[in-house]
């Protein structure tokens, strides 16, 4: 493995406490290692910036923001950050809970489109996590199936986590940060809200509502609502076109599901659910017997070797793209 992927960190001991093991994943800007907390005997993961980004001020800020969210929101659906520190080269690292589960993207690839009530149950849990983060002033900005991880508890219940708040917007961000973000597109293009696609830095929780609606659309239909032959064209479509109605793709779909997804993906924020909590309330009747539905989902999950799914959260080819 190339030095740029931080292979030299494998096997080292951080702060006389965290014993690093093998690389679990490499994303656009970061690397995650399996590790053991020698003080507690707990299995954890350690997230570091790749060599090429080790001293990137913006990425360091994002990593610190991720830790800040975990510490301030304190929701069971947000992966806890146990510790943070600096490597010998002065770049930061985070120590997080090690997850053992399956992200929705992998589940979708493995079993195909899911039953609408199963999708509603997962989205309801994700909306509750988003409501907690929005209440503390954070907008995720990168909600998508890869970032929703499902696990079955020992007694067969469903555990849902929302990963990667590294590109979230904060209402406490200073003016310099807001200016730096103006005209830049954060998130993953196919799931961006129109306001994100325009490069607006001051998005609110309704941007995450749009992305969660897009996630529901994909999980029920097996495809994302917007596609393009390149990133710029994809973003233009999101800005200029209404999302397709999922009921037209799935004629047998209960109209109530079509209504929820369509409202979540409305082009104008004012036409969406006003909050993630309001979206969750609209989905609750669609879940059926919630306990039974969640048990069914839990039984589908294939637990893998513990790892963190890493995918680029700010695409390098989008970093300075503004779409009119």
C-alpha atoms as a PDB file:
ATOM      1  CA  UNK A   1       0.000   0.000   0.000  1.00  0.00           C
ATOM      2  CA  UNK A   2       1.284   3.452  -0.920  1.00  0.00           C
ATOM      3  CA  UNK A   3       2.707   5.731   1.741  1.00  0.00           C
ATOM      4  CA  UNK A   4       0.047   8.286   0.811  1.00  0.00           C
ATOM      5  CA  UNK A   5      -2.486   5.854   2.283  1.00  0.00           C
ATOM      6  CA  UNK A   6      -0.812   6.033   5.733  1.00  0.00           C
ATOM      7  CA  UNK A   7       0.381   2.423   5.733  1.00  0.00           C
ATOM      8  CA  UNK A   8       3.263   3.470   8.006  1.00  0.00           C
ATOM      9  CA  UNK A   9       0.762   3.967  10.863  1.00  0.00           C
ATOM     10  CA  UNK A  10      -0.271   0.322  10.984  1.00  0.00           C
ATOM     11  CA  UNK A  11       0.986  -1.252  14.214  1.00  0.00           C
ATOM     12  CA  UNK A  12       1.925   1.971  16.021  1.00  0.00           C
ATOM     13  CA  UNK A  13       0.772   2.908  19.523  1.00  0.00           C
ATOM     14  CA  UNK A  14      -0.946   6.284  19.877  1.00  0.00           C
ATOM     15  CA  UNK A  15      -0.702   8.144  23.182  1.00  0.00           C
ATOM     16  CA  UNK A  16       0.369   4.919  24.926  1.00  0.00           C
ATOM     17  CA  UNK A  17      -3.237   3.774  24.585  1.00  0.00           C
ATOM     18  CA  UNK A  18      -4.508   3.061  21.054  1.00  0.00           C
ATOM     19  CA  UNK A  19      -2.859   0.147  19.238  1.00  0.00           C
ATOM     20  CA  UNK A  20      -3.446   0.529  15.504  1.00  0.00           C
ATOM     21  CA  UNK A  21      -4.021  -2.496  13.298  1.00  0.00           C
ATOM     22  CA  UNK A  22      -4.820  -2.887   9.615  1.00  0.00           C
ATOM     23  CA  UNK A  23      -6.360  -0.312   7.304  1.00  0.00           C
ATOM     24  CA  UNK A  24     -10.135  -0.700   7.130  1.00  0.00           C
ATOM     25  CA  UNK A  25     -10.953   1.871   4.486  1.00  0.00           C
ATOM     26  CA  UNK A  26      -9.608   4.743   2.424  1.00  0.00           C
ATOM     27  CA  UNK A  27     -11.805   7.660   1.433  1.00  0.00           C
ATOM     28  CA  UNK A  28     -11.224  10.764  -0.603  1.00  0.00           C
ATOM     29  CA  UNK A  29      -9.501  12.591   2.250  1.00  0.00           C
ATOM     30  CA  UNK A  30      -9.134  10.156   5.152  1.00  0.00           C
ATOM     31  CA  UNK A  31      -8.026   6.686   6.192  1.00  0.00           C
ATOM     32  CA  UNK A  32      -9.581   4.506   8.905  1.00  0.00           C
ATOM     33  CA  UNK A  33      -7.638   1.902  10.900  1.00  0.00           C
ATOM     34  CA  UNK A  34      -8.860  -0.814  13.194  1.00  0.00           C
ATOM     35  CA  UNK A  35      -7.460  -0.327  16.686  1.00  0.00           C
ATOM     36  CA  UNK A  36      -7.670  -1.485  20.291  1.00  0.00           C
ATOM     37  CA  UNK A  37      -8.022   0.780  23.285  1.00  0.00           C
ATOM     38  CA  UNK A  38      -5.516  -0.829  25.657  1.00  0.00           C
ATOM     39  CA  UNK A  39      -6.920   1.042  28.643  1.00  0.00           C
ATOM     40  CA  UNK A  40     -10.389  -0.479  28.280  1.00  0.00           C
ATOM     41  CA  UNK A  41      -9.867  -3.493  26.018  1.00  0.00           C
ATOM     42  CA  UNK A  42     -12.442  -2.023  23.641  1.00  0.00           C
ATOM     43  CA  UNK A  43     -12.203  -2.398  19.861  1.00  0.00           C
ATOM     44  CA  UNK A  44     -12.274   1.031  18.185  1.00  0.00           C
ATOM     45  CA  UNK A  45     -11.347   2.683  14.906  1.00  0.00           C
ATOM     46  CA  UNK A  46      -8.931   5.551  14.327  1.00  0.00           C
ATOM     47  CA  UNK A  47      -9.575   8.060  11.562  1.00  0.00           C
ATOM     48  CA  UNK A  48      -6.696  10.136  10.155  1.00  0.00           C
ATOM     49  CA  UNK A  49      -6.206  12.441   7.214  1.00  0.00           C
ATOM     50  CA  UNK A  50      -4.295  11.097   4.235  1.00  0.00           C
ATOM     51  CA  UNK A  51      -0.714  12.326   3.900  1.00  0.00           C
ATOM     52  CA  UNK A  52      -1.591  14.721   1.102  1.00  0.00           C
ATOM     53  CA  UNK A  53      -4.223  16.429   3.296  1.00  0.00           C
ATOM     54  CA  UNK A  54      -2.494  16.214   6.674  1.00  0.00           C
ATOM     55  CA  UNK A  55      -2.132  19.983   7.023  1.00  0.00           C
ATOM     56  CA  UNK A  56      -5.166  21.118   5.020  1.00  0.00           C
ATOM     57  CA  UNK A  57      -6.776  23.706   7.285  1.00  0.00           C
ATOM     58  CA  UNK A  58     -10.294  23.109   5.999  1.00  0.00           C
ATOM     59  CA  UNK A  59     -10.085  19.328   6.400  1.00  0.00           C
ATOM     60  CA  UNK A  60      -8.676  19.673   9.897  1.00  0.00           C
ATOM     61  CA  UNK A  61     -11.620  21.936  10.731  1.00  0.00           C
ATOM     62  CA  UNK A  62     -14.051  19.369   9.323  1.00  0.00           C
ATOM     63  CA  UNK A  63     -12.519  16.600  11.416  1.00  0.00           C
ATOM     64  CA  UNK A  64     -12.840  18.725  14.536  1.00  0.00           C
ATOM     65  CA  UNK A  65     -16.440  19.532  13.583  1.00  0.00           C
ATOM     66  CA  UNK A  66     -17.190  15.814  13.374  1.00  0.00           C
ATOM     67  CA  UNK A  67     -15.956  15.373  16.938  1.00  0.00           C
ATOM     68  CA  UNK A  68     -17.886  18.468  18.036  1.00  0.00           C
ATOM     69  CA  UNK A  69     -21.161  17.073  16.658  1.00  0.00           C
ATOM     70  CA  UNK A  70     -20.708  13.745  18.427  1.00  0.00           C
ATOM     71  CA  UNK A  71     -19.985  15.503  21.714  1.00  0.00           C
ATOM     72  CA  UNK A  72     -22.755  18.117  21.504  1.00  0.00           C
ATOM     73  CA  UNK A  73     -25.642  16.178  19.967  1.00  0.00           C
ATOM     74  CA  UNK A  74     -25.168  13.042  22.085  1.00  0.00           C
ATOM     75  CA  UNK A  75     -27.722  10.965  20.153  1.00  0.00           C
ATOM     76  CA  UNK A  76     -27.438   7.136  20.097  1.00  0.00           C
ATOM     77  CA  UNK A  77     -27.695   7.248  16.314  1.00  0.00           C
ATOM     78  CA  UNK A  78     -24.487   9.276  15.995  1.00  0.00           C
ATOM     79  CA  UNK A  79     -21.203   7.374  16.245  1.00  0.00           C
ATOM     80  CA  UNK A  80     -19.445   8.513  19.441  1.00  0.00           C
ATOM     81  CA  UNK A  81     -15.968   9.999  19.272  1.00  0.00           C
ATOM     82  CA  UNK A  82     -14.062   8.605  22.248  1.00  0.00           C
ATOM     83  CA  UNK A  83     -10.900  10.647  21.878  1.00  0.00           C
ATOM     84  CA  UNK A  84      -9.011  12.975  19.579  1.00  0.00           C
ATOM     85  CA  UNK A  85      -5.393  13.957  19.336  1.00  0.00           C
ATOM     86  CA  UNK A  86      -2.418  14.611  17.100  1.00  0.00           C
ATOM     87  CA  UNK A  87      -0.075  12.262  15.297  1.00  0.00           C
ATOM     88  CA  UNK A  88       3.697  12.741  15.490  1.00  0.00           C
ATOM     89  CA  UNK A  89       3.540  14.843  12.315  1.00  0.00           C
ATOM     90  CA  UNK A  90       1.071  17.226  13.944  1.00  0.00           C
ATOM     91  CA  UNK A  91      -2.008  16.148  11.975  1.00  0.00           C
ATOM     92  CA  UNK A  92      -5.212  15.202  13.828  1.00  0.00           C
ATOM     93  CA  UNK A  93      -6.837  11.856  14.487  1.00  0.00           C
ATOM     94  CA  UNK A  94     -10.191  10.736  15.900  1.00  0.00           C
ATOM     95  CA  UNK A  95     -10.970   7.582  17.847  1.00  0.00           C
ATOM     96  CA  UNK A  96     -14.506   6.315  17.180  1.00  0.00           C
ATOM     97  CA  UNK A  97     -16.710   3.395  18.079  1.00  0.00           C
ATOM     98  CA  UNK A  98     -16.126   0.403  15.815  1.00  0.00           C
ATOM     99  CA  UNK A  99     -19.322  -0.484  13.969  1.00  0.00           C
ATOM    100  CA  UNK A 100     -20.420  -3.968  13.031  1.00  0.00           C
ATOM    101  CA  UNK A 101     -23.274  -3.737  10.574  1.00  0.00           C
ATOM    102  CA  UNK A 102     -24.246  -3.090   6.982  1.00  0.00           C
ATOM    103  CA  UNK A 103     -24.823   0.243   5.302  1.00  0.00           C
ATOM    104  CA  UNK A 104     -28.019   0.723   3.302  1.00  0.00           C
ATOM    105  CA  UNK A 105     -26.070   0.970   0.047  1.00  0.00           C
ATOM    106  CA  UNK A 106     -24.620  -2.525   0.540  1.00  0.00           C
ATOM    107  CA  UNK A 107     -27.972  -3.907   1.621  1.00  0.00           C
ATOM    108  CA  UNK A 108     -29.556  -2.433  -1.502  1.00  0.00           C
ATOM    109  CA  UNK A 109     -26.881  -3.954  -3.744  1.00  0.00           C
ATOM    110  CA  UNK A 110     -27.329  -7.323  -2.065  1.00  0.00           C
ATOM    111  CA  UNK A 111     -31.121  -7.663  -1.957  1.00  0.00           C
ATOM    112  CA  UNK A 112     -32.343  -5.057  -4.442  1.00  0.00           C
ATOM    113  CA  UNK A 113     -35.154  -2.538  -3.853  1.00  0.00           C
ATOM    114  CA  UNK A 114     -36.743  -2.832  -0.430  1.00  0.00           C
ATOM    115  CA  UNK A 115     -40.332  -3.011   0.717  1.00  0.00           C
ATOM    116  CA  UNK A 116     -41.705   0.521   1.180  1.00  0.00           C
ATOM    117  CA  UNK A 117     -42.590  -0.033   4.855  1.00  0.00           C
ATOM    118  CA  UNK A 118     -39.014  -1.200   5.527  1.00  0.00           C
ATOM    119  CA  UNK A 119     -37.668   1.908   3.814  1.00  0.00           C
ATOM    120  CA  UNK A 120     -40.043   4.097   5.832  1.00  0.00           C
ATOM    121  CA  UNK A 121     -38.899   2.482   9.091  1.00  0.00           C
ATOM    122  CA  UNK A 122     -35.232   3.124   8.304  1.00  0.00           C
ATOM    123  CA  UNK A 123     -35.896   6.673   7.111  1.00  0.00           C
ATOM    124  CA  UNK A 124     -37.958   7.386  10.224  1.00  0.00           C
ATOM    125  CA  UNK A 125     -34.995   6.468  12.417  1.00  0.00           C
ATOM    126  CA  UNK A 126     -32.633   8.533  10.248  1.00  0.00           C
ATOM    127  CA  UNK A 127     -35.016  11.498  10.439  1.00  0.00           C
ATOM    128  CA  UNK A 128     -34.953  11.297  14.255  1.00  0.00           C
ATOM    129  CA  UNK A 129     -31.147  11.492  14.210  1.00  0.00           C
ATOM    130  CA  UNK A 130     -31.293  14.434  11.818  1.00  0.00           C
ATOM    131  CA  UNK A 131     -33.832  16.229  13.994  1.00  0.00           C
ATOM    132  CA  UNK A 132     -31.483  15.907  16.981  1.00  0.00           C
ATOM    133  CA  UNK A 133     -28.557  17.317  14.996  1.00  0.00           C
ATOM    134  CA  UNK A 134     -30.650  20.125  13.480  1.00  0.00           C
ATOM    135  CA  UNK A 135     -31.845  21.062  16.965  1.00  0.00           C
ATOM    136  CA  UNK A 136     -28.214  21.637  17.926  1.00  0.00           C
ATOM    137  CA  UNK A 137     -27.514  23.734  14.830  1.00  0.00           C
ATOM    138  CA  UNK A 138     -25.908  21.153  12.485  1.00  0.00           C
ATOM    139  CA  UNK A 139     -27.011  20.275   8.949  1.00  0.00           C
ATOM    140  CA  UNK A 140     -25.453  17.010   7.761  1.00  0.00           C
ATOM    141  CA  UNK A 141     -25.287  17.898   4.025  1.00  0.00           C
ATOM    142  CA  UNK A 142     -24.348  14.353   2.931  1.00  0.00           C
ATOM    143  CA  UNK A 143     -27.263  12.050   3.752  1.00  0.00           C
ATOM    144  CA  UNK A 144     -27.189   8.982   1.479  1.00  0.00           C
ATOM    145  CA  UNK A 145     -27.462   5.181   1.735  1.00  0.00           C
ATOM    146  CA  UNK A 146     -23.701   4.747   2.356  1.00  0.00           C
ATOM    147  CA  UNK A 147     -23.978   6.865   5.474  1.00  0.00           C
ATOM    148  CA  UNK A 148     -26.902   5.015   7.066  1.00  0.00           C
ATOM    149  CA  UNK A 149     -25.613   1.898   8.826  1.00  0.00           C
ATOM    150  CA  UNK A 150     -27.928  -0.822  10.119  1.00  0.00           C
ATOM    151  CA  UNK A 151     -27.141  -3.428  12.742  1.00  0.00           C
ATOM    152  CA  UNK A 152     -29.100  -6.050  14.653  1.00  0.00           C
ATOM    153  CA  UNK A 153     -28.796  -5.971  18.419  1.00  0.00           C
ATOM    154  CA  UNK A 154     -28.258  -9.288  20.274  1.00  0.00           C
ATOM    155  CA  UNK A 155     -31.992  -9.436  21.052  1.00  0.00           C
ATOM    156  CA  UNK A 156     -32.940  -8.878  17.413  1.00  0.00           C
ATOM    157  CA  UNK A 157     -33.792  -5.190  17.472  1.00  0.00           C
ATOM    158  CA  UNK A 158     -32.697  -2.685  14.844  1.00  0.00           C
ATOM    159  CA  UNK A 159     -29.857  -0.244  15.466  1.00  0.00           C
ATOM    160  CA  UNK A 160     -29.532   2.674  13.007  1.00  0.00           C
ATOM    161  CA  UNK A 161     -26.547   5.026  12.812  1.00  0.00           C
ATOM    162  CA  UNK A 162     -25.941   8.076  10.647  1.00  0.00           C
ATOM    163  CA  UNK A 163     -22.257   8.432   9.741  1.00  0.00           C
ATOM    164  CA  UNK A 164     -19.914  11.186   8.695  1.00  0.00           C
ATOM    165  CA  UNK A 165     -20.766  14.678   9.852  1.00  0.00           C
ATOM    166  CA  UNK A 166     -17.446  15.853   8.401  1.00  0.00           C
ATOM    167  CA  UNK A 167     -19.035  18.255   5.900  1.00  0.00           C
ATOM    168  CA  UNK A 168     -21.923  19.392   8.050  1.00  0.00           C
ATOM    169  CA  UNK A 169     -22.879  23.047   8.221  1.00  0.00           C
ATOM    170  CA  UNK A 170     -22.979  24.683  11.647  1.00  0.00           C
ATOM    171  CA  UNK A 171     -24.955  27.705  12.740  1.00  0.00           C
ATOM    172  CA  UNK A 172     -21.943  28.729  14.829  1.00  0.00           C
ATOM    173  CA  UNK A 173     -19.600  28.866  11.824  1.00  0.00           C
ATOM    174  CA  UNK A 174     -17.772  32.172  11.621  1.00  0.00           C
ATOM    175  CA  UNK A 175     -18.052  34.558   8.703  1.00  0.00           C
ATOM    176  CA  UNK A 176     -14.714  33.500   7.214  1.00  0.00           C
ATOM    177  CA  UNK A 177     -15.905  29.884   7.039  1.00  0.00           C
ATOM    178  CA  UNK A 178     -19.187  30.929   5.425  1.00  0.00           C
ATOM    179  CA  UNK A 179     -17.382  33.049   2.845  1.00  0.00           C
ATOM    180  CA  UNK A 180     -15.001  30.197   2.029  1.00  0.00           C
ATOM    181  CA  UNK A 181     -17.953  27.860   1.410  1.00  0.00           C
ATOM    182  CA  UNK A 182     -19.883  30.220  -0.844  1.00  0.00           C
ATOM    183  CA  UNK A 183     -20.157  28.827  -4.387  1.00  0.00           C
ATOM    184  CA  UNK A 184     -18.811  25.393  -3.385  1.00  0.00           C
ATOM    185  CA  UNK A 185     -20.864  22.226  -3.605  1.00  0.00           C
ATOM    186  CA  UNK A 186     -20.713  20.022  -0.509  1.00  0.00           C
ATOM    187  CA  UNK A 187     -22.093  16.521  -0.379  1.00  0.00           C
ATOM    188  CA  UNK A 188     -22.557  13.775  -2.955  1.00  0.00           C
ATOM    189  CA  UNK A 189     -23.999  15.113  -6.231  1.00  0.00           C
ATOM    190  CA  UNK A 190     -26.861  12.638  -6.768  1.00  0.00           C
ATOM    191  CA  UNK A 191     -28.248  13.368  -3.268  1.00  0.00           C
ATOM    192  CA  UNK A 192     -27.681  17.141  -3.106  1.00  0.00           C
ATOM    193  CA  UNK A 193     -30.611  19.460  -2.550  1.00  0.00           C
ATOM    194  CA  UNK A 194     -31.078  22.233  -5.145  1.00  0.00           C
ATOM    195  CA  UNK A 195     -29.757  24.829  -2.698  1.00  0.00           C
ATOM    196  CA  UNK A 196     -26.617  22.764  -2.096  1.00  0.00           C
ATOM    197  CA  UNK A 197     -26.212  22.304  -5.845  1.00  0.00           C
ATOM    198  CA  UNK A 198     -26.233  26.096  -6.193  1.00  0.00           C
ATOM    199  CA  UNK A 199     -23.337  26.368  -3.755  1.00  0.00           C
ATOM    200  CA  UNK A 200     -25.288  28.121  -0.993  1.00  0.00           C
ATOM    201  CA  UNK A 201     -23.515  27.883   2.380  1.00  0.00           C
ATOM    202  CA  UNK A 202     -26.535  28.826   4.520  1.00  0.00           C
ATOM    203  CA  UNK A 203     -28.678  25.717   4.061  1.00  0.00           C
ATOM    204  CA  UNK A 204     -31.000  24.510   6.808  1.00  0.00           C
ATOM    205  CA  UNK A 205     -32.409  21.145   7.853  1.00  0.00           C
ATOM    206  CA  UNK A 206     -34.699  21.032   4.829  1.00  0.00           C
ATOM    207  CA  UNK A 207     -31.630  20.273   2.695  1.00  0.00           C
ATOM    208  CA  UNK A 208     -31.231  17.029   4.660  1.00  0.00           C
ATOM    209  CA  UNK A 209     -34.963  16.345   4.226  1.00  0.00           C
ATOM    210  CA  UNK A 210     -34.424  16.482   0.447  1.00  0.00           C
ATOM    211  CA  UNK A 211     -31.452  14.093   0.657  1.00  0.00           C
ATOM    212  CA  UNK A 212     -33.384  11.679   2.868  1.00  0.00           C
ATOM    213  CA  UNK A 213     -36.239  11.729   0.361  1.00  0.00           C
ATOM    214  CA  UNK A 214     -33.741  10.944  -2.391  1.00  0.00           C
ATOM    215  CA  UNK A 215     -32.401   8.071  -0.300  1.00  0.00           C
ATOM    216  CA  UNK A 216     -35.924   6.688   0.137  1.00  0.00           C
ATOM    217  CA  UNK A 217     -36.534   6.986  -3.607  1.00  0.00           C
ATOM    218  CA  UNK A 218     -33.425   4.929  -4.348  1.00  0.00           C
ATOM    219  CA  UNK A 219     -34.078   2.315  -1.692  1.00  0.00           C
ATOM    220  CA  UNK A 220     -37.593   1.693  -2.997  1.00  0.00           C
ATOM    221  CA  UNK A 221     -36.896   1.901  -6.728  1.00  0.00           C
ATOM    222  CA  UNK A 222     -33.248   0.845  -7.036  1.00  0.00           C
ATOM    223  CA  UNK A 223     -32.243   4.068  -8.804  1.00  0.00           C
ATOM    224  CA  UNK A 224     -31.569   7.675  -7.920  1.00  0.00           C
ATOM    225  CA  UNK A 225     -34.069  10.262  -9.154  1.00  0.00           C
ATOM    226  CA  UNK A 226     -31.544  12.412 -11.038  1.00  0.00           C
ATOM    227  CA  UNK A 227     -28.734  11.312 -13.343  1.00  0.00           C
ATOM    228  CA  UNK A 228     -26.438  13.229 -15.695  1.00  0.00           C
ATOM    229  CA  UNK A 229     -23.613  12.530 -18.107  1.00  0.00           C
ATOM    230  CA  UNK A 230     -21.316  14.645 -15.947  1.00  0.00           C
ATOM    231  CA  UNK A 231     -21.444  16.268 -12.529  1.00  0.00           C
ATOM    232  CA  UNK A 232     -22.294  19.767 -13.761  1.00  0.00           C
ATOM    233  CA  UNK A 233     -25.238  18.512 -15.822  1.00  0.00           C
ATOM    234  CA  UNK A 234     -26.468  16.418 -12.911  1.00  0.00           C
ATOM    235  CA  UNK A 235     -26.438  19.436 -10.606  1.00  0.00           C
ATOM    236  CA  UNK A 236     -28.194  21.593 -13.219  1.00  0.00           C
ATOM    237  CA  UNK A 237     -30.979  19.022 -13.454  1.00  0.00           C
ATOM    238  CA  UNK A 238     -31.403  19.004  -9.678  1.00  0.00           C
ATOM    239  CA  UNK A 239     -31.623  22.806  -9.670  1.00  0.00           C
ATOM    240  CA  UNK A 240     -33.961  23.193 -12.655  1.00  0.00           C
ATOM    241  CA  UNK A 241     -36.199  20.116 -12.686  1.00  0.00           C
ATOM    242  CA  UNK A 242     -38.798  18.684 -10.363  1.00  0.00           C
ATOM    243  CA  UNK A 243     -37.907  15.235  -9.069  1.00  0.00           C
ATOM    244  CA  UNK A 244     -39.760  12.389 -10.809  1.00  0.00           C
ATOM    245  CA  UNK A 245     -42.635  10.874  -8.862  1.00  0.00           C
ATOM    246  CA  UNK A 246     -41.755   7.465  -7.522  1.00  0.00           C
ATOM    247  CA  UNK A 247     -45.363   6.397  -7.990  1.00  0.00           C
ATOM    248  CA  UNK A 248     -44.857   6.561 -11.752  1.00  0.00           C
ATOM    249  CA  UNK A 249     -41.974   4.087 -11.468  1.00  0.00           C
ATOM    250  CA  UNK A 250     -43.857   1.867  -9.019  1.00  0.00           C
ATOM    251  CA  UNK A 251     -47.537   1.930 -10.080  1.00  0.00           C
ATOM    252  CA  UNK A 252     -48.589  -0.408  -7.268  1.00  0.00           C
ATOM    253  CA  UNK A 253     -47.073   1.834  -4.607  1.00  0.00           C
ATOM    254  CA  UNK A 254     -49.420   3.126  -1.921  1.00  0.00           C
ATOM    255  CA  UNK A 255     -50.122   6.778  -2.730  1.00  0.00           C
ATOM    256  CA  UNK A 256     -49.101   7.770   0.805  1.00  0.00           C
ATOM    257  CA  UNK A 257     -45.485   6.738   0.140  1.00  0.00           C
ATOM    258  CA  UNK A 258     -45.454   8.678  -3.131  1.00  0.00           C
ATOM    259  CA  UNK A 259     -46.798  11.741  -1.304  1.00  0.00           C
ATOM    260  CA  UNK A 260     -44.125  11.631   1.418  1.00  0.00           C
ATOM    261  CA  UNK A 261     -41.209  11.143  -0.986  1.00  0.00           C
ATOM    262  CA  UNK A 262     -42.494  13.777  -3.407  1.00  0.00           C
ATOM    263  CA  UNK A 263     -42.914  16.364  -0.670  1.00  0.00           C
ATOM    264  CA  UNK A 264     -39.468  15.605   0.774  1.00  0.00           C
ATOM    265  CA  UNK A 265     -37.885  16.156  -2.661  1.00  0.00           C
ATOM    266  CA  UNK A 266     -39.758  19.339  -3.560  1.00  0.00           C
ATOM    267  CA  UNK A 267     -37.468  21.737  -5.395  1.00  0.00           C
ATOM    268  CA  UNK A 268     -38.249  24.677  -3.137  1.00  0.00           C
ATOM    269  CA  UNK A 269     -37.361  24.264   0.557  1.00  0.00           C
ATOM    270  CA  UNK A 270     -40.629  25.979   1.493  1.00  0.00           C
ATOM    271  CA  UNK A 271     -42.577  23.164  -0.204  1.00  0.00           C
ATOM    272  CA  UNK A 272     -40.856  20.348   1.706  1.00  0.00           C
ATOM    273  CA  UNK A 273     -41.574  19.105   5.199  1.00  0.00           C
ATOM    274  CA  UNK A 274     -40.613  21.975   7.481  1.00  0.00           C
ATOM    275  CA  UNK A 275     -38.408  19.720   9.596  1.00  0.00           C
ATOM    276  CA  UNK A 276     -37.029  16.200   9.840  1.00  0.00           C
ATOM    277  CA  UNK A 277     -39.391  15.647  12.767  1.00  0.00           C
ATOM    278  CA  UNK A 278     -42.392  16.550  10.593  1.00  0.00           C
ATOM    279  CA  UNK A 279     -41.160  14.101   7.960  1.00  0.00           C
ATOM    280  CA  UNK A 280     -40.815  11.385  10.604  1.00  0.00           C
ATOM    281  CA  UNK A 281     -44.370  11.995  11.785  1.00  0.00           C
ATOM    282  CA  UNK A 282     -45.647  11.639   8.225  1.00  0.00           C
ATOM    283  CA  UNK A 283     -43.825   8.316   7.842  1.00  0.00           C
ATOM    284  CA  UNK A 284     -44.946   6.758  11.106  1.00  0.00           C
ATOM    285  CA  UNK A 285     -48.322   5.493   9.776  1.00  0.00           C
ATOM    286  CA  UNK A 286     -46.510   3.922   6.786  1.00  0.00           C
ATOM    287  CA  UNK A 287     -44.370   1.621   8.924  1.00  0.00           C
ATOM    288  CA  UNK A 288     -47.207  -0.601  10.145  1.00  0.00           C
ATOM    289  CA  UNK A 289     -46.355  -2.516  13.298  1.00  0.00           C
ATOM    290  CA  UNK A 290     -43.082  -0.721  13.957  1.00  0.00           C
ATOM    291  CA  UNK A 291     -41.664  -3.360  16.261  1.00  0.00           C
ATOM    292  CA  UNK A 292     -42.371  -6.138  13.781  1.00  0.00           C
ATOM    293  CA  UNK A 293     -41.120  -4.130  10.808  1.00  0.00           C
ATOM    294  CA  UNK A 294     -37.840  -3.328  12.532  1.00  0.00           C
ATOM    295  CA  UNK A 295     -37.388  -6.973  13.522  1.00  0.00           C
ATOM    296  CA  UNK A 296     -37.815  -7.926   9.851  1.00  0.00           C
ATOM    297  CA  UNK A 297     -35.154  -5.425   8.791  1.00  0.00           C
ATOM    298  CA  UNK A 298     -32.779  -6.613  11.521  1.00  0.00           C
ATOM    299  CA  UNK A 299     -33.108 -10.189  10.245  1.00  0.00           C
ATOM    300  CA  UNK A 300     -31.911  -9.088   6.777  1.00  0.00           C
ATOM    301  CA  UNK A 301     -28.677  -7.494   7.939  1.00  0.00           C
ATOM    302  CA  UNK A 302     -25.451  -9.275   7.178  1.00  0.00           C
ATOM    303  CA  UNK A 303     -22.886  -8.333   9.795  1.00  0.00           C
ATOM    304  CA  UNK A 304     -19.473  -7.964   8.257  1.00  0.00           C
ATOM    305  CA  UNK A 305     -15.992  -7.706   9.663  1.00  0.00           C
ATOM    306  CA  UNK A 306     -16.095  -4.434  11.609  1.00  0.00           C
ATOM    307  CA  UNK A 307     -15.160  -1.539   9.359  1.00  0.00           C
ATOM    308  CA  UNK A 308     -16.075   2.016   8.626  1.00  0.00           C
ATOM    309  CA  UNK A 309     -17.478   2.677   5.178  1.00  0.00           C
ATOM    310  CA  UNK A 310     -15.417   5.477   3.702  1.00  0.00           C
ATOM    311  CA  UNK A 311     -16.551   7.427   0.678  1.00  0.00           C
ATOM    312  CA  UNK A 312     -15.548  10.917  -0.429  1.00  0.00           C
ATOM    313  CA  UNK A 313     -17.836  13.471   1.183  1.00  0.00           C
ATOM    314  CA  UNK A 314     -16.539  16.438  -0.761  1.00  0.00           C
ATOM    315  CA  UNK A 315     -15.754  15.430  -4.269  1.00  0.00           C
ATOM    316  CA  UNK A 316     -12.485  16.952  -5.458  1.00  0.00           C
ATOM    317  CA  UNK A 317     -14.042  17.641  -8.860  1.00  0.00           C
ATOM    318  CA  UNK A 318     -16.782  19.654  -7.112  1.00  0.00           C
ATOM    319  CA  UNK A 319     -14.619  21.632  -4.747  1.00  0.00           C
ATOM    320  CA  UNK A 320     -14.838  24.877  -6.688  1.00  0.00           C
ATOM    321  CA  UNK A 321     -17.879  24.253  -8.866  1.00  0.00           C
ATOM    322  CA  UNK A 322     -20.725  26.742  -8.807  1.00  0.00           C
ATOM    323  CA  UNK A 323     -23.760  25.976 -10.939  1.00  0.00           C
ATOM    324  CA  UNK A 324     -26.041  28.786 -12.011  1.00  0.00           C
END
